PDB file of N, CA and C in Angstrom:
ATOM      1  N   UNK A   1     -53.284  -7.445  70.250  1.00  0.00           N
ATOM      2  CA  UNK A   1     -52.550  -6.531  69.417  1.00  0.00           C
ATOM      3  C   UNK A   1     -53.068  -6.618  67.987  1.00  0.00           C
ATOM      4  N   UNK A   2     -53.443  -5.501  67.425  1.00  0.00           N
ATOM      5  CA  UNK A   2     -53.961  -5.461  66.061  1.00  0.00           C
ATOM      6  C   UNK A   2     -52.815  -5.596  65.064  1.00  0.00           C
ATOM      7  N   UNK A   3     -53.050  -6.326  64.029  1.00  0.00           N
ATOM      8  CA  UNK A   3     -52.056  -6.534  62.983  1.00  0.00           C
ATOM      9  C   UNK A   3     -52.480  -5.731  61.764  1.00  0.00           C
ATOM     10  N   UNK A   4     -51.578  -4.926  61.256  1.00  0.00           N
ATOM     11  CA  UNK A   4     -51.856  -4.092  60.086  1.00  0.00           C
ATOM     12  C   UNK A   4     -51.803  -4.952  58.838  1.00  0.00           C
ATOM     13  N   UNK A   5     -52.852  -4.873  58.039  1.00  0.00           N
ATOM     14  CA  UNK A   5     -52.931  -5.652  56.804  1.00  0.00           C
ATOM     15  C   UNK A   5     -52.707  -4.755  55.596  1.00  0.00           C
ATOM     16  N   UNK A   6     -52.034  -5.301  54.598  1.00  0.00           N
ATOM     17  CA  UNK A   6     -51.839  -4.562  53.351  1.00  0.00           C
ATOM     18  C   UNK A   6     -53.112  -4.671  52.513  1.00  0.00           C
ATOM     19  N   UNK A   7     -53.196  -3.849  51.478  1.00  0.00           N
ATOM     20  CA  UNK A   7     -54.354  -3.939  50.569  1.00  0.00           C
ATOM     21  C   UNK A   7     -54.443  -5.317  49.930  1.00  0.00           C
ATOM     22  N   UNK A   8     -53.289  -5.853  49.542  1.00  0.00           N
ATOM     23  CA  UNK A   8     -53.286  -7.193  48.932  1.00  0.00           C
ATOM     24  C   UNK A   8     -53.782  -8.251  49.907  1.00  0.00           C
ATOM     25  N   UNK A   9     -53.378  -8.153  51.159  1.00  0.00           N
ATOM     26  CA  UNK A   9     -53.825  -9.117  52.161  1.00  0.00           C
ATOM     27  C   UNK A   9     -55.322  -8.997  52.410  1.00  0.00           C
ATOM     28  N   UNK A  10     -55.829  -7.779  52.453  1.00  0.00           N
ATOM     29  CA  UNK A  10     -57.271  -7.579  52.638  1.00  0.00           C
ATOM     30  C   UNK A  10     -58.024  -8.165  51.453  1.00  0.00           C
ATOM     31  N   UNK A  11     -57.540  -7.923  50.240  1.00  0.00           N
ATOM     32  CA  UNK A  11     -58.182  -8.469  49.048  1.00  0.00           C
ATOM     33  C   UNK A  11     -58.167  -9.993  49.083  1.00  0.00           C
ATOM     34  N   UNK A  12     -57.056 -10.561  49.476  1.00  0.00           N
ATOM     35  CA  UNK A  12     -56.944 -12.016  49.568  1.00  0.00           C
ATOM     36  C   UNK A  12     -57.923 -12.572  50.592  1.00  0.00           C
ATOM     37  N   UNK A  13     -58.032 -11.927  51.745  1.00  0.00           N
ATOM     38  CA  UNK A  13     -58.982 -12.376  52.768  1.00  0.00           C
ATOM     39  C   UNK A  13     -60.417 -12.274  52.260  1.00  0.00           C
ATOM     40  N   UNK A  14     -60.723 -11.215  51.502  1.00  0.00           N
ATOM     41  CA  UNK A  14     -62.068 -11.077  50.928  1.00  0.00           C
ATOM     42  C   UNK A  14     -62.360 -12.226  49.978  1.00  0.00           C
ATOM     43  N   UNK A  15     -61.398 -12.560  49.116  1.00  0.00           N
ATOM     44  CA  UNK A  15     -61.584 -13.652  48.160  1.00  0.00           C
ATOM     45  C   UNK A  15     -61.774 -14.985  48.881  1.00  0.00           C
ATOM     46  N   UNK A  16     -61.022 -15.199  49.930  1.00  0.00           N
ATOM     47  CA  UNK A  16     -61.158 -16.448  50.682  1.00  0.00           C
ATOM     48  C   UNK A  16     -62.478 -16.494  51.453  1.00  0.00           C
ATOM     49  N   UNK A  17     -62.939 -15.344  51.932  1.00  0.00           N
ATOM     50  CA  UNK A  17     -64.226 -15.298  52.629  1.00  0.00           C
ATOM     51  C   UNK A  17     -65.354 -15.687  51.675  1.00  0.00           C
ATOM     52  N   UNK A  18     -65.280 -15.207  50.442  1.00  0.00           N
ATOM     53  CA  UNK A  18     -66.293 -15.541  49.437  1.00  0.00           C
ATOM     54  C   UNK A  18     -66.222 -17.025  49.072  1.00  0.00           C
ATOM     55  N   UNK A  19     -65.021 -17.578  49.065  1.00  0.00           N
ATOM     56  CA  UNK A  19     -64.840 -18.982  48.687  1.00  0.00           C
ATOM     57  C   UNK A  19     -65.464 -19.934  49.706  1.00  0.00           C
ATOM     58  N   UNK A  20     -65.636 -19.474  50.934  1.00  0.00           N
ATOM     59  CA  UNK A  20     -66.284 -20.293  51.944  1.00  0.00           C
ATOM     60  C   UNK A  20     -65.388 -21.371  52.522  1.00  0.00           C
ATOM     61  N   UNK A  21     -66.012 -22.392  53.069  1.00  0.00           N
ATOM     62  CA  UNK A  21     -65.275 -23.427  53.796  1.00  0.00           C
ATOM     63  C   UNK A  21     -64.402 -24.296  52.902  1.00  0.00           C
ATOM     64  N   UNK A  22     -64.677 -24.306  51.615  1.00  0.00           N
ATOM     65  CA  UNK A  22     -63.865 -25.124  50.711  1.00  0.00           C
ATOM     66  C   UNK A  22     -62.594 -24.413  50.295  1.00  0.00           C
ATOM     67  N   UNK A  23     -62.540 -23.104  50.488  1.00  0.00           N
ATOM     68  CA  UNK A  23     -61.349 -22.347  50.159  1.00  0.00           C
ATOM     69  C   UNK A  23     -61.104 -22.261  48.672  1.00  0.00           C
ATOM     70  N   UNK A  24     -59.896 -21.873  48.322  1.00  0.00           N
ATOM     71  CA  UNK A  24     -59.543 -21.785  46.916  1.00  0.00           C
ATOM     72  C   UNK A  24     -58.041 -21.931  46.770  1.00  0.00           C
ATOM     73  N   UNK A  25     -57.635 -22.279  45.571  1.00  0.00           N
ATOM     74  CA  UNK A  25     -56.212 -22.318  45.280  1.00  0.00           C
ATOM     75  C   UNK A  25     -55.760 -20.911  44.932  1.00  0.00           C
ATOM     76  N   UNK A  26     -54.525 -20.620  45.212  1.00  0.00           N
ATOM     77  CA  UNK A  26     -53.958 -19.316  44.897  1.00  0.00           C
ATOM     78  C   UNK A  26     -52.728 -19.570  44.048  1.00  0.00           C
ATOM     79  N   UNK A  27     -52.768 -19.046  42.840  1.00  0.00           N
ATOM     80  CA  UNK A  27     -51.677 -19.313  41.917  1.00  0.00           C
ATOM     81  C   UNK A  27     -50.616 -18.218  41.999  1.00  0.00           C
ATOM     82  N   UNK A  28     -50.963 -16.976  41.704  1.00  0.00           N
ATOM     83  CA  UNK A  28     -49.934 -15.950  41.677  1.00  0.00           C
ATOM     84  C   UNK A  28     -50.315 -14.599  42.265  1.00  0.00           C
ATOM     85  N   UNK A  29     -51.582 -14.267  42.487  1.00  0.00           N
ATOM     86  CA  UNK A  29     -51.903 -12.897  42.866  1.00  0.00           C
ATOM     87  C   UNK A  29     -51.267 -12.427  44.168  1.00  0.00           C
ATOM     88  N   UNK A  30     -51.061 -13.290  45.082  1.00  0.00           N
ATOM     89  CA  UNK A  30     -50.489 -12.873  46.361  1.00  0.00           C
ATOM     90  C   UNK A  30     -49.051 -13.378  46.460  1.00  0.00           C
ATOM     91  N   UNK A  31     -48.209 -12.582  47.019  1.00  0.00           N
ATOM     92  CA  UNK A  31     -46.828 -13.016  47.173  1.00  0.00           C
ATOM     93  C   UNK A  31     -46.744 -14.095  48.246  1.00  0.00           C
ATOM     94  N   UNK A  32     -45.717 -14.900  48.152  1.00  0.00           N
ATOM     95  CA  UNK A  32     -45.549 -15.955  49.139  1.00  0.00           C
ATOM     96  C   UNK A  32     -45.306 -15.374  50.528  1.00  0.00           C
ATOM     97  N   UNK A  33     -44.676 -14.185  50.597  1.00  0.00           N
ATOM     98  CA  UNK A  33     -44.452 -13.546  51.897  1.00  0.00           C
ATOM     99  C   UNK A  33     -45.783 -13.138  52.538  1.00  0.00           C
ATOM    100  N   UNK A  34     -46.708 -12.625  51.715  1.00  0.00           N
ATOM    101  CA  UNK A  34     -48.022 -12.244  52.256  1.00  0.00           C
ATOM    102  C   UNK A  34     -48.795 -13.470  52.727  1.00  0.00           C
ATOM    103  N   UNK A  35     -48.755 -14.536  51.945  1.00  0.00           N
ATOM    104  CA  UNK A  35     -49.418 -15.771  52.353  1.00  0.00           C
ATOM    105  C   UNK A  35     -48.812 -16.302  53.645  1.00  0.00           C
ATOM    106  N   UNK A  36     -47.491 -16.329  53.712  1.00  0.00           N
ATOM    107  CA  UNK A  36     -46.809 -16.823  54.910  1.00  0.00           C
ATOM    108  C   UNK A  36     -47.187 -15.991  56.135  1.00  0.00           C
ATOM    109  N   UNK A  37     -47.292 -14.671  55.957  1.00  0.00           N
ATOM    110  CA  UNK A  37     -47.667 -13.804  57.075  1.00  0.00           C
ATOM    111  C   UNK A  37     -49.090 -14.110  57.546  1.00  0.00           C
ATOM    112  N   UNK A  38     -50.020 -14.242  56.606  1.00  0.00           N
ATOM    113  CA  UNK A  38     -51.412 -14.532  56.983  1.00  0.00           C
ATOM    114  C   UNK A  38     -51.538 -15.890  57.658  1.00  0.00           C
ATOM    115  N   UNK A  39     -50.726 -16.838  57.244  1.00  0.00           N
ATOM    116  CA  UNK A  39     -50.721 -18.154  57.895  1.00  0.00           C
ATOM    117  C   UNK A  39     -50.133 -18.041  59.297  1.00  0.00           C
ATOM    118  N   UNK A  40     -49.038 -17.289  59.434  1.00  0.00           N
ATOM    119  CA  UNK A  40     -48.368 -17.179  60.741  1.00  0.00           C
ATOM    120  C   UNK A  40     -49.240 -16.502  61.796  1.00  0.00           C
ATOM    121  N   UNK A  41     -50.100 -15.574  61.368  1.00  0.00           N
ATOM    122  CA  UNK A  41     -50.998 -14.919  62.330  1.00  0.00           C
ATOM    123  C   UNK A  41     -52.344 -15.639  62.414  1.00  0.00           C
ATOM    124  N   UNK A  42     -52.432 -16.786  61.763  1.00  0.00           N
ATOM    125  CA  UNK A  42     -53.593 -17.681  61.804  1.00  0.00           C
ATOM    126  C   UNK A  42     -54.857 -17.073  61.213  1.00  0.00           C
ATOM    127  N   UNK A  43     -54.692 -16.195  60.204  1.00  0.00           N
ATOM    128  CA  UNK A  43     -55.839 -15.630  59.500  1.00  0.00           C
ATOM    129  C   UNK A  43     -56.288 -16.551  58.373  1.00  0.00           C
ATOM    130  N   UNK A  44     -55.378 -17.350  57.866  1.00  0.00           N
ATOM    131  CA  UNK A  44     -55.724 -18.360  56.865  1.00  0.00           C
ATOM    132  C   UNK A  44     -54.994 -19.649  57.216  1.00  0.00           C
ATOM    133  N   UNK A  45     -55.481 -20.739  56.657  1.00  0.00           N
ATOM    134  CA  UNK A  45     -54.774 -22.009  56.808  1.00  0.00           C
ATOM    135  C   UNK A  45     -54.634 -22.649  55.437  1.00  0.00           C
ATOM    136  N   UNK A  46     -53.592 -23.414  55.296  1.00  0.00           N
ATOM    137  CA  UNK A  46     -53.299 -24.058  54.023  1.00  0.00           C
ATOM    138  C   UNK A  46     -53.600 -25.539  54.128  1.00  0.00           C
ATOM    139  N   UNK A  47     -54.257 -26.041  53.101  1.00  0.00           N
ATOM    140  CA  UNK A  47     -54.524 -27.472  52.982  1.00  0.00           C
ATOM    141  C   UNK A  47     -53.824 -27.972  51.729  1.00  0.00           C
ATOM    142  N   UNK A  48     -53.032 -28.986  51.865  1.00  0.00           N
ATOM    143  CA  UNK A  48     -52.375 -29.563  50.690  1.00  0.00           C
ATOM    144  C   UNK A  48     -53.286 -30.659  50.133  1.00  0.00           C
ATOM    145  N   UNK A  49     -53.788 -30.444  48.926  1.00  0.00           N
ATOM    146  CA  UNK A  49     -54.634 -31.443  48.283  1.00  0.00           C
ATOM    147  C   UNK A  49     -53.775 -32.556  47.689  1.00  0.00           C
ATOM    148  N   UNK A  50     -52.639 -32.184  47.169  1.00  0.00           N
ATOM    149  CA  UNK A  50     -51.629 -33.127  46.710  1.00  0.00           C
ATOM    150  C   UNK A  50     -50.303 -32.380  46.678  1.00  0.00           C
ATOM    151  N   UNK A  51     -49.289 -32.929  46.080  1.00  0.00           N
ATOM    152  CA  UNK A  51     -47.977 -32.286  46.100  1.00  0.00           C
ATOM    153  C   UNK A  51     -47.949 -30.952  45.369  1.00  0.00           C
ATOM    154  N   UNK A  52     -48.779 -30.785  44.355  1.00  0.00           N
ATOM    155  CA  UNK A  52     -48.744 -29.584  43.536  1.00  0.00           C
ATOM    156  C   UNK A  52     -49.813 -28.560  43.879  1.00  0.00           C
ATOM    157  N   UNK A  53     -50.918 -28.983  44.453  1.00  0.00           N
ATOM    158  CA  UNK A  53     -52.048 -28.080  44.677  1.00  0.00           C
ATOM    159  C   UNK A  53     -52.245 -27.848  46.170  1.00  0.00           C
ATOM    160  N   UNK A  54     -52.260 -26.563  46.529  1.00  0.00           N
ATOM    161  CA  UNK A  54     -52.542 -26.184  47.912  1.00  0.00           C
ATOM    162  C   UNK A  54     -53.747 -25.266  47.910  1.00  0.00           C
ATOM    163  N   UNK A  55     -54.631 -25.509  48.842  1.00  0.00           N
ATOM    164  CA  UNK A  55     -55.821 -24.695  48.966  1.00  0.00           C
ATOM    165  C   UNK A  55     -55.721 -23.876  50.243  1.00  0.00           C
ATOM    166  N   UNK A  56     -56.232 -22.652  50.190  1.00  0.00           N
ATOM    167  CA  UNK A  56     -56.186 -21.752  51.338  1.00  0.00           C
ATOM    168  C   UNK A  56     -57.609 -21.441  51.786  1.00  0.00           C
ATOM    169  N   UNK A  57     -57.804 -21.411  53.106  1.00  0.00           N
ATOM    170  CA  UNK A  57     -59.122 -21.188  53.702  1.00  0.00           C
ATOM    171  C   UNK A  57     -58.985 -20.123  54.782  1.00  0.00           C
ATOM    172  N   UNK A  58     -59.925 -19.191  54.808  1.00  0.00           N
ATOM    173  CA  UNK A  58     -59.911 -18.159  55.848  1.00  0.00           C
ATOM    174  C   UNK A  58     -60.398 -18.770  57.162  1.00  0.00           C
ATOM    175  N   UNK A  59     -59.816 -18.332  58.258  1.00  0.00           N
ATOM    176  CA  UNK A  59     -60.222 -18.804  59.585  1.00  0.00           C
ATOM    177  C   UNK A  59     -61.183 -17.792  60.213  1.00  0.00           C
ATOM    178  N   UNK A  60     -61.758 -18.146  61.337  1.00  0.00           N
ATOM    179  CA  UNK A  60     -62.631 -17.207  62.055  1.00  0.00           C
ATOM    180  C   UNK A  60     -61.841 -15.974  62.474  1.00  0.00           C
ATOM    181  N   UNK A  61     -60.618 -16.180  62.907  1.00  0.00           N
ATOM    182  CA  UNK A  61     -59.762 -15.054  63.277  1.00  0.00           C
ATOM    183  C   UNK A  61     -59.529 -14.151  62.063  1.00  0.00           C
ATOM    184  N   UNK A  62     -59.347 -14.750  60.908  1.00  0.00           N
ATOM    185  CA  UNK A  62     -59.183 -13.986  59.674  1.00  0.00           C
ATOM    186  C   UNK A  62     -60.429 -13.216  59.308  1.00  0.00           C
ATOM    187  N   UNK A  63     -61.591 -13.826  59.533  1.00  0.00           N
ATOM    188  CA  UNK A  63     -62.863 -13.124  59.255  1.00  0.00           C
ATOM    189  C   UNK A  63     -63.021 -11.896  60.163  1.00  0.00           C
ATOM    190  N   UNK A  64     -62.650 -12.042  61.418  1.00  0.00           N
ATOM    191  CA  UNK A  64     -62.725 -10.910  62.348  1.00  0.00           C
ATOM    192  C   UNK A  64     -61.749  -9.812  61.927  1.00  0.00           C
ATOM    193  N   UNK A  65     -60.537 -10.197  61.547  1.00  0.00           N
ATOM    194  CA  UNK A  65     -59.547  -9.212  61.112  1.00  0.00           C
ATOM    195  C   UNK A  65     -60.018  -8.496  59.858  1.00  0.00           C
ATOM    196  N   UNK A  66     -60.642  -9.224  58.952  1.00  0.00           N
ATOM    197  CA  UNK A  66     -61.160  -8.622  57.729  1.00  0.00           C
ATOM    198  C   UNK A  66     -62.268  -7.630  58.058  1.00  0.00           C
ATOM    199  N   UNK A  67     -63.164  -8.013  58.955  1.00  0.00           N
ATOM    200  CA  UNK A  67     -64.251  -7.111  59.339  1.00  0.00           C
ATOM    201  C   UNK A  67     -63.697  -5.831  59.968  1.00  0.00           C
ATOM    202  N   UNK A  68     -62.692  -5.955  60.798  1.00  0.00           N
ATOM    203  CA  UNK A  68     -62.081  -4.785  61.423  1.00  0.00           C
ATOM    204  C   UNK A  68     -61.365  -3.919  60.387  1.00  0.00           C
ATOM    205  N   UNK A  69     -60.665  -4.546  59.468  1.00  0.00           N
ATOM    206  CA  UNK A  69     -59.890  -3.803  58.465  1.00  0.00           C
ATOM    207  C   UNK A  69     -60.807  -3.057  57.492  1.00  0.00           C
ATOM    208  N   UNK A  70     -61.957  -3.628  57.183  1.00  0.00           N
ATOM    209  CA  UNK A  70     -62.854  -2.980  56.237  1.00  0.00           C
ATOM    210  C   UNK A  70     -63.798  -1.989  56.920  1.00  0.00           C
ATOM    211  N   UNK A  71     -63.834  -2.005  58.246  1.00  0.00           N
ATOM    212  CA  UNK A  71     -64.679  -1.061  58.989  1.00  0.00           C
ATOM    213  C   UNK A  71     -63.979   0.285  59.181  1.00  0.00           C
ATOM    214  N   UNK A  72     -62.682   0.318  58.975  1.00  0.00           N
ATOM    215  CA  UNK A  72     -61.913   1.557  59.203  1.00  0.00           C
ATOM    216  C   UNK A  72     -62.208   2.606  58.185  1.00  0.00           C
TER     217      UNK A  72
END
């Protein structure tokens, strides 16, 4: 089943794809609901570096979803 992505989610996936395997921290550009949704569908994963800093990394499933979303 295809999951519809918002423009913000597509932009976030693009930024994470560019960041590569090390990912990046996300401070405010994406809402917590959008992040939670992308995590729940396994398009991104969160790594806690410490109590205050969380890093987000795109998954292979997220890369495929991004490719499909940008091909439309």
